């Protein structure tokens, strides 16, 4: 019985400083080989797709097609699409392919306040596989520049 207890409590050996490679050994890898190793890792990481994402879930095919369509709609006063501008707060796609887009506008007095929601709804409804679309306008939380993506800030010279 003591042997079983000893086997279960045996700890793995500790790492020792003297076991670490010397700086000269680490430097022996060429810069090109190191870059290639990093490139292989990054390409594999970027190519990895989620294992099993439903079409309507974030990262799914249908959900992504809605986001891509929203990125094609530009604010008429600002040369940035409404998604990167941070006007889209949420995109929900049901199992029946019904879409609800929750969005805001830069201000309640925005010149496109009456037309933008209709354009968003029409663009989403026109996507293959979408059964119905609804746009919900909200003012809470109010839009502010912190909601913009880095790409939008760069485009507007804010970075």
N, C-alpha and C. Protein backbone atom coordinates (compact mmCIF):
# COMPACT_ATOMS: atom_id res chain seq x y z
N UNK A 1 0.82 -1.19 0.00
CA UNK A 1 0.00 0.00 0.00
C UNK A 1 0.86 1.25 0.00
N UNK A 2 1.98 1.22 0.71
CA UNK A 2 2.88 2.38 0.75
C UNK A 2 3.45 2.66 -0.63
N UNK A 3 3.71 1.62 -1.43
CA UNK A 3 4.26 1.82 -2.76
C UNK A 3 3.28 2.58 -3.65
N UNK A 4 1.98 2.27 -3.52
CA UNK A 4 0.98 2.99 -4.30
C UNK A 4 0.94 4.46 -3.91
N UNK A 5 0.98 4.74 -2.63
CA UNK A 5 0.96 6.12 -2.16
C UNK A 5 2.18 6.87 -2.64
N UNK A 6 3.34 6.23 -2.59
CA UNK A 6 4.57 6.87 -3.04
C UNK A 6 4.51 7.18 -4.54
N UNK A 7 3.95 6.25 -5.35
CA UNK A 7 3.85 6.47 -6.79
C UNK A 7 2.92 7.63 -7.11
N UNK A 8 1.85 7.77 -6.33
CA UNK A 8 0.88 8.82 -6.61
C UNK A 8 1.40 10.20 -6.20
N UNK A 9 2.27 10.25 -5.21
CA UNK A 9 2.75 11.54 -4.73
C UNK A 9 4.09 11.93 -5.30
N UNK A 10 4.68 11.10 -6.15
CA UNK A 10 5.97 11.42 -6.74
C UNK A 10 5.79 12.59 -7.69
N UNK A 11 6.58 13.60 -7.46
CA UNK A 11 6.48 14.81 -8.27
C UNK A 11 7.44 14.72 -9.46
N UNK A 12 7.08 15.35 -10.56
CA UNK A 12 8.01 15.36 -11.70
C UNK A 12 9.24 16.18 -11.34
N UNK A 13 10.33 15.94 -12.04
CA UNK A 13 11.55 16.70 -11.74
C UNK A 13 11.36 18.18 -12.07
N UNK A 14 12.01 19.01 -11.30
CA UNK A 14 11.94 20.46 -11.51
C UNK A 14 12.89 20.88 -12.62
N UNK A 15 12.50 21.93 -13.30
CA UNK A 15 13.39 22.49 -14.31
C UNK A 15 14.54 23.18 -13.62
N UNK A 16 15.69 23.03 -14.16
CA UNK A 16 16.89 23.63 -13.58
C UNK A 16 17.47 24.65 -14.56
N UNK A 17 18.06 25.69 -14.04
CA UNK A 17 18.67 26.73 -14.87
C UNK A 17 19.76 26.14 -15.74
N UNK A 18 20.52 25.23 -15.20
CA UNK A 18 21.61 24.66 -15.98
C UNK A 18 21.11 23.81 -17.15
N UNK A 19 19.82 23.42 -17.16
CA UNK A 19 19.27 22.65 -18.27
C UNK A 19 18.84 23.54 -19.44
N UNK A 20 18.75 24.83 -19.24
CA UNK A 20 18.32 25.75 -20.29
C UNK A 20 19.42 25.87 -21.34
N UNK A 21 19.03 26.08 -22.61
CA UNK A 21 20.06 26.22 -23.66
C UNK A 21 20.87 27.49 -23.43
N UNK A 22 22.11 27.42 -23.77
CA UNK A 22 22.98 28.58 -23.65
C UNK A 22 22.61 29.60 -24.71
N UNK A 23 22.86 30.88 -24.46
CA UNK A 23 22.52 31.90 -25.46
C UNK A 23 23.16 31.63 -26.81
N UNK A 24 24.37 31.06 -26.82
CA UNK A 24 25.03 30.77 -28.09
C UNK A 24 24.24 29.71 -28.86
N UNK A 25 23.68 28.71 -28.14
CA UNK A 25 22.92 27.65 -28.79
C UNK A 25 21.62 28.22 -29.38
N UNK A 26 20.96 29.10 -28.64
CA UNK A 26 19.72 29.71 -29.12
C UNK A 26 20.01 30.61 -30.32
N UNK A 27 21.18 31.25 -30.32
CA UNK A 27 21.52 32.17 -31.41
C UNK A 27 21.93 31.41 -32.67
N UNK A 28 22.17 30.10 -32.56
CA UNK A 28 22.59 29.33 -33.72
C UNK A 28 21.49 29.22 -34.76
N UNK A 29 20.23 29.35 -34.34
CA UNK A 29 19.13 29.31 -35.30
C UNK A 29 19.20 30.59 -36.13
N UNK A 30 19.17 30.43 -37.43
CA UNK A 30 19.28 31.61 -38.29
C UNK A 30 18.01 32.43 -38.21
N UNK A 31 18.13 33.68 -38.54
CA UNK A 31 16.97 34.57 -38.52
C UNK A 31 15.92 34.09 -39.52
N UNK A 32 16.36 33.59 -40.67
CA UNK A 32 15.42 33.08 -41.68
C UNK A 32 14.65 31.87 -41.17
N UNK A 33 15.35 30.95 -40.48
CA UNK A 33 14.69 29.76 -39.95
C UNK A 33 13.68 30.15 -38.87
N UNK A 34 14.06 31.10 -38.04
CA UNK A 34 13.17 31.56 -36.98
C UNK A 34 11.92 32.21 -37.58
N UNK A 35 12.10 33.03 -38.61
CA UNK A 35 10.98 33.69 -39.28
C UNK A 35 10.07 32.65 -39.94
N UNK A 36 10.66 31.65 -40.57
CA UNK A 36 9.86 30.60 -41.22
C UNK A 36 9.05 29.82 -40.19
N UNK A 37 9.64 29.54 -39.03
CA UNK A 37 8.92 28.83 -37.97
C UNK A 37 7.74 29.66 -37.49
N UNK A 38 7.94 30.95 -37.32
CA UNK A 38 6.85 31.83 -36.89
C UNK A 38 5.78 31.94 -37.97
N UNK A 39 6.19 32.03 -39.23
CA UNK A 39 5.24 32.13 -40.33
C UNK A 39 4.37 30.87 -40.40
N UNK A 40 4.98 29.69 -40.26
CA UNK A 40 4.22 28.44 -40.27
C UNK A 40 3.19 28.43 -39.16
N UNK A 41 3.59 28.86 -37.98
CA UNK A 41 2.66 28.88 -36.85
C UNK A 41 1.52 29.85 -37.12
N UNK A 42 1.82 31.04 -37.61
CA UNK A 42 0.80 32.05 -37.85
C UNK A 42 -0.16 31.61 -38.95
N UNK A 43 0.37 31.05 -40.04
CA UNK A 43 -0.50 30.59 -41.12
C UNK A 43 -1.44 29.50 -40.65
N UNK A 44 -0.95 28.58 -39.84
CA UNK A 44 -1.80 27.53 -39.30
C UNK A 44 -2.86 28.09 -38.37
N UNK A 45 -2.48 29.06 -37.58
CA UNK A 45 -3.42 29.69 -36.65
C UNK A 45 -4.51 30.42 -37.40
N UNK A 46 -4.15 31.19 -38.42
CA UNK A 46 -5.13 31.95 -39.18
C UNK A 46 -6.02 31.07 -40.04
N UNK A 47 -5.50 29.93 -40.50
CA UNK A 47 -6.28 29.04 -41.35
C UNK A 47 -7.27 28.20 -40.55
N UNK A 48 -7.07 28.09 -39.26
CA UNK A 48 -7.95 27.26 -38.41
C UNK A 48 -9.33 27.88 -38.35
N UNK A 49 -10.32 27.08 -38.67
CA UNK A 49 -11.71 27.50 -38.63
C UNK A 49 -12.35 26.91 -37.37
N UNK A 50 -13.38 27.56 -36.84
CA UNK A 50 -14.07 26.97 -35.69
C UNK A 50 -14.60 25.58 -36.05
N UNK A 51 -14.57 24.69 -35.08
CA UNK A 51 -14.93 23.30 -35.35
C UNK A 51 -16.38 23.14 -35.81
N UNK A 52 -17.32 23.59 -35.03
CA UNK A 52 -18.71 23.39 -35.42
C UNK A 52 -19.53 24.60 -35.01
N UNK A 53 -19.56 25.58 -35.87
CA UNK A 53 -20.33 26.79 -35.61
C UNK A 53 -21.56 26.75 -36.50
N UNK A 54 -22.72 26.94 -35.87
CA UNK A 54 -23.96 26.96 -36.63
C UNK A 54 -23.93 28.15 -37.59
N UNK A 55 -24.63 28.05 -38.70
CA UNK A 55 -24.61 29.09 -39.72
C UNK A 55 -25.00 30.45 -39.18
N UNK A 56 -25.94 30.49 -38.24
CA UNK A 56 -26.42 31.76 -37.72
C UNK A 56 -25.67 32.29 -36.52
N UNK A 57 -24.78 31.49 -35.97
CA UNK A 57 -23.99 31.91 -34.81
C UNK A 57 -22.84 32.81 -35.25
N UNK A 58 -22.35 33.67 -34.35
CA UNK A 58 -21.17 34.47 -34.70
C UNK A 58 -20.04 33.56 -35.18
N UNK A 59 -19.50 33.90 -36.32
CA UNK A 59 -18.46 33.08 -36.94
C UNK A 59 -19.03 32.11 -37.96
N UNK A 60 -20.35 31.95 -37.95
CA UNK A 60 -21.01 31.07 -38.91
C UNK A 60 -21.18 31.76 -40.25
N UNK A 61 -21.46 30.96 -41.26
CA UNK A 61 -21.54 31.46 -42.64
C UNK A 61 -22.62 32.52 -42.83
N UNK A 62 -23.83 32.27 -42.34
CA UNK A 62 -24.94 33.21 -42.53
C UNK A 62 -24.72 34.49 -41.74
N UNK A 63 -24.26 34.35 -40.51
CA UNK A 63 -23.99 35.51 -39.65
C UNK A 63 -22.93 36.39 -40.30
N UNK A 64 -21.88 35.77 -40.82
CA UNK A 64 -20.80 36.53 -41.45
C UNK A 64 -21.27 37.22 -42.72
N UNK A 65 -22.18 36.59 -43.47
CA UNK A 65 -22.67 37.23 -44.69
C UNK A 65 -23.47 38.48 -44.34
N UNK A 66 -24.19 38.47 -43.22
CA UNK A 66 -24.92 39.67 -42.78
C UNK A 66 -23.93 40.78 -42.44
N UNK A 67 -22.89 40.45 -41.70
CA UNK A 67 -21.89 41.45 -41.33
C UNK A 67 -21.19 42.01 -42.57
N UNK A 68 -20.87 41.14 -43.51
CA UNK A 68 -20.23 41.60 -44.74
C UNK A 68 -21.14 42.57 -45.51
N UNK A 69 -22.45 42.28 -45.51
CA UNK A 69 -23.40 43.17 -46.18
C UNK A 69 -23.46 44.52 -45.47
N UNK A 70 -23.41 44.49 -44.14
CA UNK A 70 -23.45 45.75 -43.38
C UNK A 70 -22.19 46.58 -43.64
N UNK A 71 -21.09 45.92 -43.90
CA UNK A 71 -19.84 46.63 -44.19
C UNK A 71 -19.85 47.29 -45.57
N UNK A 72 -20.86 46.98 -46.37
CA UNK A 72 -21.00 47.61 -47.68
C UNK A 72 -21.87 48.87 -47.63
N UNK A 73 -22.42 49.19 -46.46
CA UNK A 73 -23.27 50.37 -46.30
C UNK A 73 -22.43 51.46 -45.65
N UNK A 74 -22.34 52.60 -46.31
CA UNK A 74 -21.50 53.69 -45.81
C UNK A 74 -22.34 54.84 -45.32
N UNK A 75 -21.86 55.49 -44.27
CA UNK A 75 -22.48 56.71 -43.79
C UNK A 75 -22.24 57.77 -44.86
N UNK A 76 -23.27 58.51 -45.29
CA UNK A 76 -23.07 59.46 -46.38
C UNK A 76 -22.17 60.64 -46.03
N UNK A 77 -22.04 60.95 -44.75
CA UNK A 77 -21.21 62.09 -44.35
C UNK A 77 -19.79 61.69 -43.98
N UNK A 78 -19.59 60.41 -43.68
CA UNK A 78 -18.29 59.94 -43.22
C UNK A 78 -17.89 58.77 -44.13
N UNK A 79 -16.69 58.76 -44.66
CA UNK A 79 -16.30 57.70 -45.61
C UNK A 79 -15.93 56.38 -44.92
N UNK A 80 -16.80 55.93 -44.01
CA UNK A 80 -16.55 54.69 -43.27
C UNK A 80 -17.86 53.90 -43.26
N UNK A 81 -17.77 52.58 -43.35
CA UNK A 81 -18.99 51.77 -43.33
C UNK A 81 -19.60 51.77 -41.93
N UNK A 82 -20.90 51.49 -41.86
CA UNK A 82 -21.63 51.61 -40.60
C UNK A 82 -21.19 50.58 -39.57
N UNK A 83 -20.65 49.44 -40.02
CA UNK A 83 -20.20 48.42 -39.08
C UNK A 83 -18.92 48.90 -38.37
N UNK A 84 -17.94 49.34 -39.15
CA UNK A 84 -16.69 49.82 -38.56
C UNK A 84 -16.87 51.14 -37.82
N UNK A 85 -17.89 51.88 -38.20
CA UNK A 85 -18.19 53.13 -37.50
C UNK A 85 -18.74 52.86 -36.10
N UNK A 86 -19.17 51.63 -35.86
CA UNK A 86 -19.68 51.26 -34.54
C UNK A 86 -21.17 51.51 -34.38
N UNK A 87 -21.88 51.66 -35.48
CA UNK A 87 -23.32 51.90 -35.40
C UNK A 87 -24.11 50.60 -35.22
N UNK A 88 -23.50 49.47 -35.52
CA UNK A 88 -24.17 48.18 -35.35
C UNK A 88 -23.81 47.63 -33.97
N UNK A 89 -24.83 47.49 -33.13
CA UNK A 89 -24.60 47.00 -31.77
C UNK A 89 -24.74 45.48 -31.67
N UNK A 90 -25.62 44.90 -32.50
CA UNK A 90 -25.83 43.46 -32.40
C UNK A 90 -26.46 42.92 -33.68
N UNK A 91 -26.08 41.71 -34.02
CA UNK A 91 -26.69 40.99 -35.15
C UNK A 91 -27.10 39.63 -34.62
N UNK A 92 -28.40 39.34 -34.67
CA UNK A 92 -28.92 38.05 -34.23
C UNK A 92 -29.52 37.34 -35.44
N UNK A 93 -29.14 36.08 -35.61
CA UNK A 93 -29.70 35.26 -36.67
C UNK A 93 -30.34 34.05 -36.01
N UNK A 94 -31.66 33.89 -36.19
CA UNK A 94 -32.36 32.77 -35.57
C UNK A 94 -32.13 31.49 -36.38
N UNK A 95 -32.57 30.37 -35.82
CA UNK A 95 -32.46 29.09 -36.51
C UNK A 95 -33.28 29.08 -37.80
N UNK A 96 -34.31 29.93 -37.86
CA UNK A 96 -35.16 30.01 -39.06
C UNK A 96 -34.64 31.04 -40.05
N UNK A 97 -33.45 31.58 -39.83
CA UNK A 97 -32.80 32.57 -40.70
C UNK A 97 -33.51 33.92 -40.67
N UNK A 98 -34.12 34.26 -39.54
CA UNK A 98 -34.65 35.60 -39.32
C UNK A 98 -33.55 36.42 -38.66
N UNK A 99 -33.35 37.64 -39.13
CA UNK A 99 -32.26 38.47 -38.63
C UNK A 99 -32.81 39.70 -37.93
N UNK A 100 -32.23 40.01 -36.77
CA UNK A 100 -32.53 41.26 -36.07
C UNK A 100 -31.22 42.01 -35.93
N UNK A 101 -31.18 43.21 -36.50
CA UNK A 101 -30.00 44.06 -36.41
C UNK A 101 -30.34 45.20 -35.45
N UNK A 102 -29.59 45.28 -34.35
CA UNK A 102 -29.75 46.38 -33.41
C UNK A 102 -28.68 47.40 -33.72
N UNK A 103 -29.12 48.62 -33.99
CA UNK A 103 -28.15 49.65 -34.39
C UNK A 103 -28.55 51.00 -33.80
N UNK A 104 -27.67 51.95 -33.95
CA UNK A 104 -27.93 53.32 -33.57
C UNK A 104 -27.48 54.21 -34.71
N UNK A 105 -27.60 55.49 -34.52
CA UNK A 105 -27.09 56.48 -35.47
C UNK A 105 -26.18 57.41 -34.69
N UNK A 106 -25.38 58.18 -35.40
CA UNK A 106 -24.44 59.05 -34.69
C UNK A 106 -25.16 60.06 -33.81
N UNK A 107 -26.31 60.56 -34.25
CA UNK A 107 -27.14 61.46 -33.44
C UNK A 107 -28.60 61.22 -33.81
N UNK A 108 -29.53 61.56 -32.93
CA UNK A 108 -30.95 61.43 -33.29
C UNK A 108 -31.35 62.34 -34.45
N UNK A 109 -30.60 63.40 -34.68
CA UNK A 109 -30.91 64.34 -35.75
C UNK A 109 -30.12 64.04 -37.02
N UNK A 110 -29.59 62.84 -37.12
CA UNK A 110 -28.80 62.43 -38.28
C UNK A 110 -29.65 62.56 -39.54
N UNK A 111 -29.09 63.13 -40.60
CA UNK A 111 -29.87 63.33 -41.83
C UNK A 111 -30.41 62.04 -42.45
N UNK A 112 -29.80 60.90 -42.14
CA UNK A 112 -30.26 59.64 -42.71
C UNK A 112 -31.08 58.81 -41.72
N UNK A 113 -31.55 59.45 -40.65
CA UNK A 113 -32.30 58.74 -39.61
C UNK A 113 -33.53 58.03 -40.17
N UNK A 114 -34.14 58.59 -41.18
CA UNK A 114 -35.34 57.97 -41.73
C UNK A 114 -35.03 56.93 -42.79
N UNK A 115 -33.90 57.05 -43.48
CA UNK A 115 -33.62 56.14 -44.59
C UNK A 115 -32.64 55.02 -44.25
N UNK A 116 -31.72 55.25 -43.33
CA UNK A 116 -30.68 54.26 -43.03
C UNK A 116 -31.26 52.93 -42.53
N UNK A 117 -32.20 52.91 -41.58
CA UNK A 117 -32.74 51.62 -41.15
C UNK A 117 -33.38 50.83 -42.29
N UNK A 118 -34.08 51.52 -43.17
CA UNK A 118 -34.69 50.84 -44.32
C UNK A 118 -33.65 50.27 -45.26
N UNK A 119 -32.55 50.99 -45.46
CA UNK A 119 -31.48 50.50 -46.32
C UNK A 119 -30.83 49.26 -45.71
N UNK A 120 -30.61 49.29 -44.40
CA UNK A 120 -30.02 48.13 -43.71
C UNK A 120 -30.94 46.92 -43.85
N UNK A 121 -32.23 47.13 -43.60
CA UNK A 121 -33.19 46.03 -43.69
C UNK A 121 -33.24 45.46 -45.11
N UNK A 122 -33.29 46.33 -46.11
CA UNK A 122 -33.34 45.87 -47.50
C UNK A 122 -32.08 45.10 -47.88
N UNK A 123 -30.92 45.59 -47.45
CA UNK A 123 -29.65 44.93 -47.78
C UNK A 123 -29.59 43.53 -47.16
N UNK A 124 -30.03 43.41 -45.89
CA UNK A 124 -30.00 42.11 -45.22
C UNK A 124 -31.05 41.17 -45.83
N UNK A 125 -32.23 41.69 -46.13
CA UNK A 125 -33.28 40.87 -46.74
C UNK A 125 -32.86 40.32 -48.10
N UNK A 126 -32.01 41.03 -48.80
CA UNK A 126 -31.56 40.60 -50.11
C UNK A 126 -30.52 39.51 -50.10
N UNK A 127 -30.06 39.12 -48.94
CA UNK A 127 -29.03 38.09 -48.85
C UNK A 127 -29.63 36.70 -49.05
N UNK A 128 -28.94 35.83 -49.78
CA UNK A 128 -29.43 34.46 -49.95
C UNK A 128 -29.51 33.75 -48.60
N UNK A 129 -30.61 33.08 -48.37
CA UNK A 129 -30.77 32.30 -47.13
C UNK A 129 -31.46 33.04 -46.01
N UNK A 130 -31.68 34.34 -46.15
CA UNK A 130 -32.35 35.12 -45.11
C UNK A 130 -33.86 35.08 -45.36
N UNK A 131 -34.61 34.72 -44.33
CA UNK A 131 -36.06 34.65 -44.47
C UNK A 131 -36.71 35.99 -44.16
N UNK A 132 -36.25 36.67 -43.11
CA UNK A 132 -36.84 37.94 -42.71
C UNK A 132 -35.77 38.77 -42.02
N UNK A 133 -35.94 40.09 -42.06
CA UNK A 133 -34.98 40.98 -41.39
C UNK A 133 -35.75 42.10 -40.70
N UNK A 134 -35.22 42.50 -39.56
CA UNK A 134 -35.80 43.60 -38.79
C UNK A 134 -34.66 44.45 -38.26
N UNK A 135 -34.84 45.76 -38.29
CA UNK A 135 -33.84 46.67 -37.76
C UNK A 135 -34.44 47.36 -36.54
N UNK A 136 -33.73 47.30 -35.44
CA UNK A 136 -34.16 47.94 -34.21
C UNK A 136 -33.20 49.09 -33.94
N UNK A 137 -33.74 50.30 -33.85
CA UNK A 137 -32.92 51.47 -33.54
C UNK A 137 -32.94 51.69 -32.04
N UNK A 138 -31.77 51.90 -31.47
CA UNK A 138 -31.67 52.18 -30.05
C UNK A 138 -30.78 53.40 -29.84
N UNK A 139 -31.04 54.11 -28.78
CA UNK A 139 -30.21 55.27 -28.43
C UNK A 139 -29.47 55.02 -27.13
N UNK A 140 -29.59 53.80 -26.61
CA UNK A 140 -28.95 53.47 -25.34
C UNK A 140 -28.10 52.23 -25.53
N UNK A 141 -26.82 52.31 -25.43
CA UNK A 141 -26.02 53.48 -25.11
C UNK A 141 -25.89 54.38 -26.34
N UNK A 142 -25.74 55.66 -26.12
CA UNK A 142 -25.55 56.56 -27.25
C UNK A 142 -24.22 56.30 -27.94
N UNK A 143 -24.20 56.55 -29.24
CA UNK A 143 -22.97 56.35 -30.01
C UNK A 143 -21.95 57.40 -29.61
N UNK A 144 -20.70 57.00 -29.58
CA UNK A 144 -19.58 57.94 -29.43
C UNK A 144 -18.39 57.37 -30.18
N UNK A 145 -17.39 58.18 -30.48
CA UNK A 145 -16.26 57.73 -31.30
C UNK A 145 -15.51 56.52 -30.76
N UNK A 146 -15.64 56.21 -29.47
CA UNK A 146 -14.93 55.05 -28.93
C UNK A 146 -15.47 53.74 -29.48
N UNK A 147 -16.63 53.76 -30.09
CA UNK A 147 -17.23 52.55 -30.65
C UNK A 147 -16.68 52.21 -32.04
N UNK A 148 -15.90 53.09 -32.62
CA UNK A 148 -15.34 52.85 -33.95
C UNK A 148 -14.22 51.82 -33.89
N UNK A 149 -14.07 51.07 -34.98
CA UNK A 149 -12.97 50.12 -35.08
C UNK A 149 -11.67 50.89 -35.33
N UNK A 150 -10.56 50.23 -35.15
CA UNK A 150 -9.26 50.86 -35.42
C UNK A 150 -9.14 51.24 -36.89
N UNK A 151 -9.73 50.42 -37.77
CA UNK A 151 -9.69 50.71 -39.21
C UNK A 151 -10.41 52.03 -39.50
N UNK A 152 -11.56 52.24 -38.84
CA UNK A 152 -12.32 53.47 -39.05
C UNK A 152 -11.55 54.68 -38.51
N UNK A 153 -10.94 54.52 -37.37
CA UNK A 153 -10.14 55.62 -36.80
C UNK A 153 -8.97 55.97 -37.70
N UNK A 154 -8.34 54.95 -38.26
CA UNK A 154 -7.23 55.19 -39.17
C UNK A 154 -7.71 55.92 -40.41
N UNK A 155 -8.84 55.51 -40.96
CA UNK A 155 -9.40 56.13 -42.16
C UNK A 155 -9.71 57.61 -41.91
N UNK A 156 -10.15 57.90 -40.69
CA UNK A 156 -10.53 59.28 -40.37
C UNK A 156 -9.38 60.09 -39.76
N UNK A 157 -8.19 59.49 -39.70
CA UNK A 157 -7.03 60.21 -39.18
C UNK A 157 -7.08 60.40 -37.68
N UNK A 158 -7.74 59.50 -36.98
CA UNK A 158 -7.85 59.63 -35.53
C UNK A 158 -6.86 58.76 -34.78
N UNK A 159 -6.02 58.04 -35.50
CA UNK A 159 -5.00 57.21 -34.84
C UNK A 159 -3.63 57.78 -35.03
